[in-house]
């Protein structure tokens, strides 16, 4: 079976086509600037097929989907003989609220539930739904599967997900911690349990998804016990452009100080804060490393704050679970920055973490980076959210 995986953003659409017989990628690509001027890069992973990399007009997601499907079956760039070879489409959906604890076959009821979460995921859920509806239009009869970023975190106990505010906001408006990057945390925690030779039951894993957006999760018995992001992806550690945890009164203080709206202040906290704001240099951690090498103290401060907060979450999750068997680093920064990993683990020797600095000098591959005598095993595990989506889609279609 071949599964198409779609990740639709507000003005972009990423995709991968999997051959699930061996879980290989046979094509991937990106539609950018949807609704503006449009560009498609389509990369067949089949020998002899050229890459398509040109500007195209995409007024809406429907035209982008149509262009992708055309390239998948075209004589020059295609990897399938007809659309009938594609058995299902798996869609990344940011927010499933409290309704979904697992991936779902898309029905009108599921689409309505995705719409109901628009206020919780205003930047992502509308785009995710547009991607689903564009595929339904272009591929009538092909099963569409929604895979929710929030689903993995629905196993958290109430003591982890509740906020200490009037209870009516939870009962009437579902204000609570949801968490994000769930598909990534689910994949790498399961991989850690596998490579460490553990059983899910009784295991205690801390997963660190570190990138431009960052979150950590405490995974106990193979299930999410706690996670750092909250009602929205703004909570948690400082990120590329997001502030992370702060005193809620800061919102009122800045709003009054600047004479702006609360929405404008939240936009600032989401898009103009984080390591970008502290460093004054960039939201890209590679740029921060270069700036630190040149003696930029604010860039150093930004990195120090990020590393300190990751370490603080690791320590708190170890305490919450009553210990930890393994720590996993993943995503763009977690997989590629040896210096960030080392700084995040420094000082955790008291809880049995001992880094192998030579092993830690790695990028983008599965690697054990803890010393042989470390009581806590530490791994770099590249995430693969698209594969999780493809697996879920296949399982649901075949059920």
Protein backbone atom coordinates (compact mmCIF):
# COMPACT_ATOMS: atom_id res chain seq x y z
CA UNK A 1 0.00 0.00 0.00
CA UNK A 2 1.12 3.55 -0.75
CA UNK A 3 0.24 6.33 1.70
CA UNK A 4 0.45 10.06 0.97
CA UNK A 5 1.26 12.19 4.03
CA UNK A 6 0.22 15.85 3.99
CA UNK A 7 1.27 18.62 6.37
CA UNK A 8 -0.68 21.73 5.36
CA UNK A 9 0.32 25.14 6.72
CA UNK A 10 -1.38 28.48 6.17
CA UNK A 11 0.66 29.17 3.01
CA UNK A 12 2.58 25.94 2.51
CA UNK A 13 2.05 22.21 2.02
CA UNK A 14 4.67 19.55 2.71
CA UNK A 15 4.17 15.99 1.51
CA UNK A 16 5.76 12.56 1.43
CA UNK A 17 4.61 9.44 -0.41
CA UNK A 18 5.42 6.17 1.37
CA UNK A 19 5.55 2.64 0.05
CA UNK A 20 4.34 0.88 3.19
CA UNK A 21 5.57 -2.53 2.02
CA UNK A 22 9.02 -1.44 3.22
CA UNK A 23 8.18 1.99 4.73
CA UNK A 24 10.36 3.76 2.17
CA UNK A 25 9.80 7.29 0.88
CA UNK A 26 9.26 7.26 -2.88
CA UNK A 27 8.61 11.00 -3.32
CA UNK A 28 8.54 14.15 -1.23
CA UNK A 29 8.03 17.83 -1.82
CA UNK A 30 6.94 21.27 -0.72
CA UNK A 31 4.42 23.75 -2.10
CA UNK A 32 5.27 27.25 -0.87
CA UNK A 33 3.65 30.67 -1.01
CA UNK A 34 0.12 29.35 -1.53
CA UNK A 35 -2.17 32.30 -2.20
CA UNK A 36 0.77 34.52 -3.16
CA UNK A 37 2.87 33.54 -6.18
CA UNK A 38 3.53 29.85 -5.56
CA UNK A 39 6.46 27.45 -5.89
CA UNK A 40 6.67 23.63 -6.01
CA UNK A 41 9.70 21.49 -5.35
CA UNK A 42 8.92 17.83 -6.06
CA UNK A 43 11.63 15.25 -5.43
CA UNK A 44 11.13 11.68 -6.70
CA UNK A 45 13.17 9.20 -4.66
CA UNK A 46 13.26 6.79 -7.61
CA UNK A 47 16.44 6.37 -9.66
CA UNK A 48 16.52 8.34 -12.87
CA UNK A 49 13.62 10.67 -12.10
CA UNK A 50 14.47 14.40 -12.18
CA UNK A 51 13.54 16.96 -9.53
CA UNK A 52 10.82 19.47 -10.40
CA UNK A 53 11.64 22.88 -8.85
CA UNK A 54 9.67 25.74 -10.40
CA UNK A 55 7.25 28.58 -9.69
CA UNK A 56 3.57 27.67 -10.08
CA UNK A 57 0.30 29.44 -9.37
CA UNK A 58 -1.49 28.22 -6.23
CA UNK A 59 -4.43 30.53 -5.44
CA UNK A 60 -5.62 27.99 -2.82
CA UNK A 61 -4.63 24.65 -1.29
CA UNK A 62 -6.82 22.92 -3.89
CA UNK A 63 -4.51 23.98 -6.73
CA UNK A 64 -1.47 22.95 -4.67
CA UNK A 65 -2.90 19.47 -4.05
CA UNK A 66 -3.80 19.13 -7.73
CA UNK A 67 -0.23 20.06 -8.72
CA UNK A 68 1.23 17.51 -6.29
CA UNK A 69 -1.01 14.71 -7.59
CA UNK A 70 -0.17 15.64 -11.17
CA UNK A 71 3.55 15.33 -10.46
CA UNK A 72 3.12 12.01 -8.64
CA UNK A 73 1.59 10.39 -11.74
CA UNK A 74 3.38 12.31 -14.51
CA UNK A 75 5.53 10.45 -17.00
CA UNK A 76 8.62 12.57 -16.31
CA UNK A 77 8.43 13.13 -12.52
CA UNK A 78 5.95 10.50 -11.36
CA UNK A 79 6.43 7.53 -9.04
CA UNK A 80 3.02 5.85 -9.40
CA UNK A 81 1.17 4.81 -12.54
CA UNK A 82 -2.20 6.08 -11.35
CA UNK A 83 -3.92 7.58 -8.31
CA UNK A 84 -5.47 4.18 -7.63
CA UNK A 85 -2.12 3.10 -6.17
CA UNK A 86 -2.53 5.56 -3.27
CA UNK A 87 -4.55 3.77 -0.60
CA UNK A 88 -4.99 6.64 1.85
CA UNK A 89 -3.88 10.15 2.78
CA UNK A 90 -2.64 10.92 6.29
CA UNK A 91 -2.93 14.51 7.48
CA UNK A 92 -1.11 16.20 10.34
CA UNK A 93 -3.67 18.15 12.38
CA UNK A 94 -2.38 20.39 15.15
CA UNK A 95 -5.24 20.41 17.65
CA UNK A 96 -7.80 17.74 18.45
CA UNK A 97 -8.90 19.21 21.77
CA UNK A 98 -10.17 16.72 24.33
CA UNK A 99 -12.17 14.73 21.78
CA UNK A 100 -9.42 12.69 20.14
CA UNK A 101 -6.99 10.38 21.88
CA UNK A 102 -5.96 8.66 18.64
CA UNK A 103 -5.86 9.17 14.88
CA UNK A 104 -9.22 9.16 13.09
CA UNK A 105 -10.76 8.34 9.73
CA UNK A 106 -12.04 11.72 8.52
CA UNK A 107 -15.82 12.05 8.58
CA UNK A 108 -18.06 15.11 8.69
CA UNK A 109 -18.13 14.74 12.47
CA UNK A 110 -14.32 14.71 12.63
CA UNK A 111 -14.10 17.79 10.39
CA UNK A 112 -16.60 19.58 12.62
CA UNK A 113 -14.46 18.74 15.66
CA UNK A 114 -11.38 20.13 13.87
CA UNK A 115 -13.36 23.32 13.17
CA UNK A 116 -14.37 23.51 16.83
CA UNK A 117 -10.66 23.64 17.70
CA UNK A 118 -9.99 26.67 15.45
CA UNK A 119 -9.85 29.00 18.52
CA UNK A 120 -7.24 26.67 20.12
CA UNK A 121 -5.12 26.39 16.96
CA UNK A 122 -5.95 29.49 14.88
CA UNK A 123 -2.79 29.36 12.74
CA UNK A 124 -2.77 25.63 12.02
CA UNK A 125 -6.20 23.99 12.27
CA UNK A 126 -7.84 26.01 9.46
CA UNK A 127 -4.92 25.18 7.15
CA UNK A 128 -4.99 21.51 8.19
CA UNK A 129 -8.69 21.33 7.36
CA UNK A 130 -8.12 23.06 4.03
CA UNK A 131 -5.60 20.34 3.17
CA UNK A 132 -8.08 17.61 4.08
CA UNK A 133 -10.90 19.15 2.05
CA UNK A 134 -8.62 19.78 -0.94
CA UNK A 135 -7.63 16.10 -0.94
CA UNK A 136 -11.25 15.00 -0.60
CA UNK A 137 -12.09 17.06 -3.68
CA UNK A 138 -9.11 15.85 -5.72
CA UNK A 139 -9.23 12.20 -4.57
CA UNK A 140 -12.89 11.26 -4.10
CA UNK A 141 -13.34 7.97 -2.29
CA UNK A 142 -9.75 7.78 -0.99
CA UNK A 143 -9.71 7.49 2.85
CA UNK A 144 -8.43 10.61 4.62
CA UNK A 145 -6.87 10.10 8.06
CA UNK A 146 -6.40 12.87 10.66
CA UNK A 147 -3.38 12.45 12.97
CA UNK A 148 -3.50 14.91 15.87
CA UNK A 149 -0.45 16.55 17.47
CA UNK A 150 -2.32 16.65 20.77
CA UNK A 151 -3.55 13.03 20.86
CA UNK A 152 -0.45 11.46 22.49
CA UNK A 153 -0.72 13.85 25.43
CA UNK A 154 -4.34 12.92 26.24
CA UNK A 155 -3.09 10.25 28.68
CA UNK A 156 -1.84 12.91 31.11
CA UNK A 157 -3.42 12.79 34.57
CA UNK A 158 -5.56 15.75 35.60
CA UNK A 159 -2.85 16.90 38.02
CA UNK A 160 -0.60 17.44 34.97
CA UNK A 161 -3.05 19.06 32.56
CA UNK A 162 -5.24 21.25 34.79
CA UNK A 163 -4.57 24.96 35.39
CA UNK A 164 -5.29 26.45 38.82
CA UNK A 165 -7.95 28.87 37.56
CA UNK A 166 -11.74 28.86 38.13
CA UNK A 167 -12.96 25.36 37.24
CA UNK A 168 -15.73 26.63 34.99
CA UNK A 169 -13.14 27.55 32.32
CA UNK A 170 -12.22 23.88 32.08
CA UNK A 171 -15.81 22.61 32.20
CA UNK A 172 -17.29 25.18 29.84
CA UNK A 173 -14.35 26.19 27.62
CA UNK A 174 -11.89 23.27 27.87
CA UNK A 175 -9.05 25.52 29.08
CA UNK A 176 -6.28 23.10 30.06
CA UNK A 177 -2.85 21.87 29.03
CA UNK A 178 -2.92 19.98 25.73
CA UNK A 179 0.70 19.77 24.61
CA UNK A 180 2.05 19.54 21.06
CA UNK A 181 4.68 17.70 18.99
CA UNK A 182 2.82 14.61 20.20
CA UNK A 183 3.56 12.55 17.10
CA UNK A 184 7.28 13.22 17.55
CA UNK A 185 7.26 12.46 21.29
CA UNK A 186 5.31 9.27 20.60
CA UNK A 187 7.77 8.09 17.93
CA UNK A 188 11.04 8.80 19.74
CA UNK A 189 9.85 7.52 23.13
CA UNK A 190 8.81 4.23 21.53
CA UNK A 191 12.15 4.05 19.68
CA UNK A 192 14.00 4.69 22.95
CA UNK A 193 12.14 1.91 24.71
CA UNK A 194 12.97 -0.39 21.76
CA UNK A 195 16.69 0.38 21.49
CA UNK A 196 17.14 0.29 25.27
CA UNK A 197 15.55 -3.15 25.40
CA UNK A 198 12.86 -2.10 27.86
CA UNK A 199 9.20 -2.98 28.21
CA UNK A 200 6.84 -0.02 27.94
CA UNK A 201 5.30 -0.90 31.30
CA UNK A 202 7.59 0.42 34.02
CA UNK A 203 9.70 2.59 31.68
CA UNK A 204 10.45 6.25 32.38
CA UNK A 205 11.61 8.32 29.38
CA UNK A 206 12.11 12.08 28.96
CA UNK A 207 11.87 13.25 25.36
CA UNK A 208 13.34 16.61 24.31
CA UNK A 209 11.98 17.86 20.96
CA UNK A 210 14.26 20.85 20.48
CA UNK A 211 13.99 23.10 17.43
CA UNK A 212 12.60 26.47 16.49
CA UNK A 213 9.59 25.21 18.44
CA UNK A 214 10.60 23.13 21.45
CA UNK A 215 8.80 20.93 23.93
CA UNK A 216 9.64 18.19 26.42
CA UNK A 217 7.55 15.26 27.59
CA UNK A 218 7.65 12.86 30.52
CA UNK A 219 6.68 9.43 29.16
CA UNK A 220 5.83 6.88 31.84
CA UNK A 221 4.82 3.30 30.98
CA UNK A 222 4.94 4.31 27.30
CA UNK A 223 2.30 7.02 27.82
CA UNK A 224 2.55 10.77 28.21
CA UNK A 225 2.60 11.78 31.87
CA UNK A 226 3.38 15.49 31.42
CA UNK A 227 4.54 17.89 28.72
CA UNK A 228 5.86 21.44 28.60
CA UNK A 229 3.57 23.13 26.05
CA UNK A 230 0.12 24.10 27.26
CA UNK A 231 -3.19 25.35 25.93
CA UNK A 232 -1.14 26.63 23.00
CA UNK A 233 2.46 26.04 21.84
CA UNK A 234 3.55 29.24 23.63
CA UNK A 235 4.15 27.64 27.04
CA UNK A 236 7.33 25.83 28.02
CA UNK A 237 11.01 26.53 27.33
CA UNK A 238 12.10 29.66 25.40
CA UNK A 239 12.06 28.88 21.67
CA UNK A 240 13.12 30.47 18.40
CA UNK A 241 10.55 33.28 18.54
CA UNK A 242 8.27 32.19 21.43
CA UNK A 243 8.78 33.42 24.98
CA UNK A 244 7.97 30.18 26.77
CA UNK A 245 6.97 30.32 30.45
CA UNK A 246 6.44 33.74 31.99
CA UNK A 247 4.35 35.50 34.64
CA UNK A 248 0.89 36.05 33.07
CA UNK A 249 0.92 39.60 34.46
CA UNK A 250 3.62 40.40 31.89
CA UNK A 251 0.86 40.39 29.23
CA UNK A 252 -1.15 43.09 31.01
CA UNK A 253 1.98 45.11 31.87
CA UNK A 254 3.28 45.22 28.27
CA UNK A 255 -0.22 45.79 26.83
CA UNK A 256 -0.67 48.85 29.05
CA UNK A 257 2.89 50.03 28.50
CA UNK A 258 2.65 49.91 24.71
CA UNK A 259 -1.00 50.92 24.44
CA UNK A 260 -1.67 47.88 22.26
CA UNK A 261 -4.21 45.05 22.38
CA UNK A 262 -3.81 41.75 24.18
CA UNK A 263 -3.77 40.02 20.78
CA UNK A 264 -0.90 42.24 19.65
CA UNK A 265 1.03 41.41 22.82
CA UNK A 266 0.46 37.69 22.29
CA UNK A 267 1.66 38.04 18.69
CA UNK A 268 4.84 39.60 20.07
CA UNK A 269 5.26 36.73 22.55
CA UNK A 270 4.75 34.18 19.76
CA UNK A 271 6.67 35.72 16.89
CA UNK A 272 9.11 38.31 18.25
CA UNK A 273 10.35 36.80 21.50
CA UNK A 274 12.41 33.75 22.48
CA UNK A 275 16.08 33.51 21.60
CA UNK A 276 15.51 35.97 18.74
CA UNK A 277 14.51 38.71 21.18
CA UNK A 278 17.15 37.98 23.80
CA UNK A 279 20.02 37.67 21.32
CA UNK A 280 18.94 40.40 18.92
CA UNK A 281 20.62 38.20 16.30
CA UNK A 282 18.42 35.38 15.05
CA UNK A 283 15.95 32.63 15.91
CA UNK A 284 18.30 30.13 14.23
CA UNK A 285 20.53 28.36 16.75
CA UNK A 286 23.32 28.04 14.18
CA UNK A 287 23.45 31.83 13.90
CA UNK A 288 23.58 32.07 17.69
CA UNK A 289 26.55 29.67 17.82
CA UNK A 290 28.38 31.84 15.28
CA UNK A 291 27.56 35.00 17.23
CA UNK A 292 28.80 33.45 20.49
CA UNK A 293 32.06 32.51 18.76
CA UNK A 294 32.43 36.18 17.84
CA UNK A 295 31.96 37.25 21.46
CA UNK A 296 28.28 38.29 21.37
CA UNK A 297 27.17 38.24 25.02
CA UNK A 298 23.45 38.49 24.29
CA UNK A 299 23.63 35.49 21.99
CA UNK A 300 25.40 33.60 24.78
CA UNK A 301 22.69 34.65 27.22
CA UNK A 302 19.95 33.43 24.86
CA UNK A 303 21.59 30.01 24.57
CA UNK A 304 22.26 29.85 28.31
CA UNK A 305 18.58 30.58 29.02
CA UNK A 306 17.42 27.93 26.58
CA UNK A 307 19.80 25.26 27.90
CA UNK A 308 18.99 26.09 31.53
CA UNK A 309 15.23 25.78 30.96
CA UNK A 310 15.58 22.44 29.16
CA UNK A 311 17.70 21.17 32.06
CA UNK A 312 15.12 22.44 34.56
CA UNK A 313 12.33 20.53 32.81
CA UNK A 314 14.44 17.37 32.64
CA UNK A 315 15.05 17.56 36.39
CA UNK A 316 11.41 18.25 37.20
CA UNK A 317 10.17 15.38 35.03
CA UNK A 318 12.63 12.95 36.61
CA UNK A 319 11.25 14.01 40.00
CA UNK A 320 7.64 13.74 38.83
CA UNK A 321 8.12 10.20 37.49
CA UNK A 322 10.24 9.04 40.43
CA UNK A 323 13.33 8.55 38.29
CA UNK A 324 14.29 8.24 34.64
CA UNK A 325 15.65 5.41 32.49
CA UNK A 326 16.43 7.38 29.36
CA UNK A 327 16.64 10.90 27.94
CA UNK A 328 16.12 11.47 24.22
CA UNK A 329 17.12 14.47 22.08
CA UNK A 330 15.34 14.98 18.77
CA UNK A 331 14.27 17.57 16.14
CA UNK A 332 16.45 20.18 14.41
CA UNK A 333 18.46 21.40 17.38
CA UNK A 334 18.23 18.24 19.47
CA UNK A 335 19.53 16.05 16.63
CA UNK A 336 22.26 18.36 15.38
CA UNK A 337 23.70 20.49 18.19
CA UNK A 338 26.24 18.67 20.32
CA UNK A 339 26.90 21.84 22.33
CA UNK A 340 23.22 22.27 23.26
CA UNK A 341 22.93 18.62 24.32
CA UNK A 342 26.05 18.86 26.45
CA UNK A 343 24.91 22.09 28.11
CA UNK A 344 21.43 20.71 28.82
CA UNK A 345 22.91 17.66 30.58
CA UNK A 346 25.69 19.45 32.46
CA UNK A 347 25.12 19.23 36.21
CA UNK A 348 22.78 16.24 36.03
CA UNK A 349 25.44 13.81 37.20
CA UNK A 350 23.70 13.69 40.59
CA UNK A 351 20.78 11.82 38.97
CA UNK A 352 23.02 9.36 37.15
CA UNK A 353 23.60 11.13 33.82
CA UNK A 354 27.13 10.77 32.42
CA UNK A 355 27.82 12.04 28.91
CA UNK A 356 30.24 10.44 26.46
CA UNK A 357 31.56 13.60 24.78
CA UNK A 358 33.09 11.73 21.86
CA UNK A 359 29.82 9.89 21.13
CA UNK A 360 27.94 13.17 21.53
CA UNK A 361 29.89 14.63 18.60
CA UNK A 362 27.26 13.42 16.13
CA UNK A 363 24.55 14.90 13.92
CA UNK A 364 21.23 13.61 12.67
CA UNK A 365 21.60 9.90 13.40
CA UNK A 366 20.49 7.45 16.06
CA UNK A 367 23.32 7.46 18.58
CA UNK A 368 23.76 6.58 22.23
CA UNK A 369 25.64 9.53 23.75
CA UNK A 370 25.79 8.48 27.40
CA UNK A 371 28.86 6.80 28.87
CA UNK A 372 28.80 3.04 29.44
CA UNK A 373 28.70 3.55 33.22
CA UNK A 374 25.90 6.15 33.05
CA UNK A 375 22.91 5.06 35.12
CA UNK A 376 20.61 7.00 32.76
CA UNK A 377 20.93 6.21 29.07
CA UNK A 378 20.91 9.23 26.73
CA UNK A 379 20.17 8.99 23.01
CA UNK A 380 19.92 11.13 19.92
CA UNK A 381 16.98 9.74 17.94
CA UNK A 382 15.95 11.45 14.69
CA UNK A 383 12.21 11.99 14.72
CA UNK A 384 9.96 10.72 11.95
CA UNK A 385 6.49 12.19 12.36
CA UNK A 386 5.59 11.47 8.74
CA UNK A 387 6.22 7.75 9.19
CA UNK A 388 3.99 7.70 12.28
CA UNK A 389 1.23 9.38 10.26
CA UNK A 390 1.66 6.87 7.42
CA UNK A 391 1.59 3.92 9.85
CA UNK A 392 -1.59 5.21 11.52
CA UNK A 393 -3.26 5.74 8.17
CA UNK A 394 -2.38 2.21 7.03
CA UNK A 395 -3.60 0.69 10.31
CA UNK A 396 -6.95 2.53 10.16
CA UNK A 397 -7.56 1.68 6.50
CA UNK A 398 -6.76 -1.99 7.04
CA UNK A 399 -8.78 -2.31 10.26
